[in-house]
Amino acid sequence: MQQMFRQQPDSAGRNLVDVEKANYARHQPVLERIVRQYGFPGVRQVGKTSSHNFWLMVQHADAHPEFQPLPGGVWE
């Protein structure tokens, strides 16, 4: 998807990719702090939607691939 946006003739698509990367970079320390302090926010703690959204943010932390693999059982 990012390649598709980068190939757009206008700068809107390229800007969207840059904004997305900046957002994930800004949220990375917060995600790490939450996991350190509370563990992964599972379904029992925060509900299915919030747990899934947190997982998506972790999976998009491309600048920190070491943070992406989460331990098994995080969905409980």
C-alpha atoms as a PDB file:
ATOM      1  CA  MET A   1       0.000   0.000   0.000  1.00  0.00           C
ATOM      2  CA  GLN A   2       2.796   2.389   0.876  1.00  0.00           C
ATOM      3  CA  GLN A   3       4.454   1.752  -2.488  1.00  0.00           C
ATOM      4  CA  MET A   4       1.200   2.555  -4.237  1.00  0.00           C
ATOM      5  CA  PHE A   5       0.897   5.868  -2.403  1.00  0.00           C
ATOM      6  CA  ARG A   6       4.539   6.741  -3.049  1.00  0.00           C
ATOM      7  CA  GLN A   7       4.008   6.248  -6.782  1.00  0.00           C
ATOM      8  CA  GLN A   8       1.220   8.826  -6.915  1.00  0.00           C
ATOM      9  CA  PRO A   9       2.085  11.822  -9.090  1.00  0.00           C
ATOM     10  CA  ASP A  10       0.955  14.255  -6.410  1.00  0.00           C
ATOM     11  CA  SER A  11       2.470  14.635  -2.998  1.00  0.00           C
ATOM     12  CA  ALA A  12      -0.726  13.729  -1.108  1.00  0.00           C
ATOM     13  CA  GLY A  13      -0.024   9.997  -1.177  1.00  0.00           C
ATOM     14  CA  ARG A  14       3.598  10.434  -0.189  1.00  0.00           C
ATOM     15  CA  ASN A  15       2.584  12.795   2.594  1.00  0.00           C
ATOM     16  CA  LEU A  16       0.090  10.253   3.932  1.00  0.00           C
ATOM     17  CA  VAL A  17       2.838   7.646   4.257  1.00  0.00           C
ATOM     18  CA  ASP A  18       5.089  10.135   6.065  1.00  0.00           C
ATOM     19  CA  VAL A  19       2.307  11.135   8.469  1.00  0.00           C
ATOM     20  CA  GLU A  20       1.539   7.475   9.156  1.00  0.00           C
ATOM     21  CA  LYS A  21       5.190   6.723   9.956  1.00  0.00           C
ATOM     22  CA  ALA A  22       5.412   9.767  12.230  1.00  0.00           C
ATOM     23  CA  ASN A  23       2.290   8.671  14.124  1.00  0.00           C
ATOM     24  CA  TYR A  24       3.610   5.174  14.720  1.00  0.00           C
ATOM     25  CA  ALA A  25       6.994   6.546  15.804  1.00  0.00           C
ATOM     26  CA  ARG A  26       5.286   8.928  18.234  1.00  0.00           C
ATOM     27  CA  HIS A  27       3.160   6.150  19.731  1.00  0.00           C
ATOM     28  CA  GLN A  28       5.975   3.602  20.035  1.00  0.00           C
ATOM     29  CA  PRO A  29       7.267   4.737  23.447  1.00  0.00           C
ATOM     30  CA  VAL A  30       3.708   4.749  24.801  1.00  0.00           C
ATOM     31  CA  LEU A  31       3.073   1.210  23.555  1.00  0.00           C
ATOM     32  CA  GLU A  32       6.318  -0.018  25.103  1.00  0.00           C
ATOM     33  CA  ARG A  33       5.533   1.673  28.415  1.00  0.00           C
ATOM     34  CA  ILE A  34       2.078   0.058  28.533  1.00  0.00           C
ATOM     35  CA  VAL A  35       3.518  -3.409  27.862  1.00  0.00           C
ATOM     36  CA  ARG A  36       6.285  -2.921  30.454  1.00  0.00           C
ATOM     37  CA  GLN A  37       3.933  -1.608  33.109  1.00  0.00           C
ATOM     38  CA  TYR A  38       0.829  -3.755  32.560  1.00  0.00           C
ATOM     39  CA  GLY A  39       1.712  -6.433  30.031  1.00  0.00           C
ATOM     40  CA  PHE A  40      -0.176  -6.785  26.789  1.00  0.00           C
ATOM     41  CA  PRO A  41      -3.709  -5.382  27.155  1.00  0.00           C
ATOM     42  CA  GLY A  42      -5.691  -8.547  26.506  1.00  0.00           C
ATOM     43  CA  VAL A  43      -9.375  -9.006  25.795  1.00  0.00           C
ATOM     44  CA  ARG A  44     -10.204  -9.581  29.480  1.00  0.00           C
ATOM     45  CA  GLN A  45      -8.577  -6.315  30.494  1.00  0.00           C
ATOM     46  CA  VAL A  46      -9.664  -3.905  27.738  1.00  0.00           C
ATOM     47  CA  GLY A  47     -12.129  -5.729  25.489  1.00  0.00           C
ATOM     48  CA  LYS A  48     -11.759  -7.282  22.062  1.00  0.00           C
ATOM     49  CA  THR A  49     -11.718  -4.072  20.005  1.00  0.00           C
ATOM     50  CA  SER A  50      -9.159  -2.249  22.151  1.00  0.00           C
ATOM     51  CA  SER A  51      -6.925  -5.287  22.421  1.00  0.00           C
ATOM     52  CA  HIS A  52      -7.014  -5.765  18.656  1.00  0.00           C
ATOM     53  CA  ASN A  53      -6.296  -2.067  18.031  1.00  0.00           C
ATOM     54  CA  PHE A  54      -3.316  -2.204  20.374  1.00  0.00           C
ATOM     55  CA  TRP A  55      -2.033  -5.277  18.536  1.00  0.00           C
ATOM     56  CA  LEU A  56      -2.391  -3.439  15.210  1.00  0.00           C
ATOM     57  CA  MET A  57      -0.336  -0.520  16.524  1.00  0.00           C
ATOM     58  CA  VAL A  58       2.382  -2.930  17.652  1.00  0.00           C
ATOM     59  CA  GLN A  59       2.396  -4.676  14.270  1.00  0.00           C
ATOM     60  CA  HIS A  60       2.841  -1.344  12.496  1.00  0.00           C
ATOM     61  CA  ALA A  61       5.839  -0.380  14.643  1.00  0.00           C
ATOM     62  CA  ASP A  62       8.122  -0.964  11.666  1.00  0.00           C
ATOM     63  CA  ALA A  63      10.881   1.221  13.096  1.00  0.00           C
ATOM     64  CA  HIS A  64      11.114  -1.224  16.028  1.00  0.00           C
ATOM     65  CA  PRO A  65      10.732  -4.764  14.653  1.00  0.00           C
ATOM     66  CA  GLU A  66      12.071  -6.249  17.893  1.00  0.00           C
ATOM     67  CA  PHE A  67       8.889  -5.026  19.594  1.00  0.00           C
ATOM     68  CA  GLN A  68       6.528  -6.634  17.075  1.00  0.00           C
ATOM     69  CA  PRO A  69       6.615 -10.288  18.175  1.00  0.00           C
ATOM     70  CA  LEU A  70       4.319 -10.607  21.145  1.00  0.00           C
ATOM     71  CA  PRO A  71       4.230 -13.586  23.492  1.00  0.00           C
ATOM     72  CA  GLY A  72       1.619 -16.284  23.013  1.00  0.00           C
ATOM     73  CA  GLY A  73      -1.621 -15.997  24.912  1.00  0.00           C
ATOM     74  CA  VAL A  74      -1.890 -12.239  24.576  1.00  0.00           C
ATOM     75  CA  TRP A  75      -5.495 -12.469  23.439  1.00  0.00           C
ATOM     76  CA  GLU A  76      -6.679 -13.884  26.742  1.00  0.00           C
END
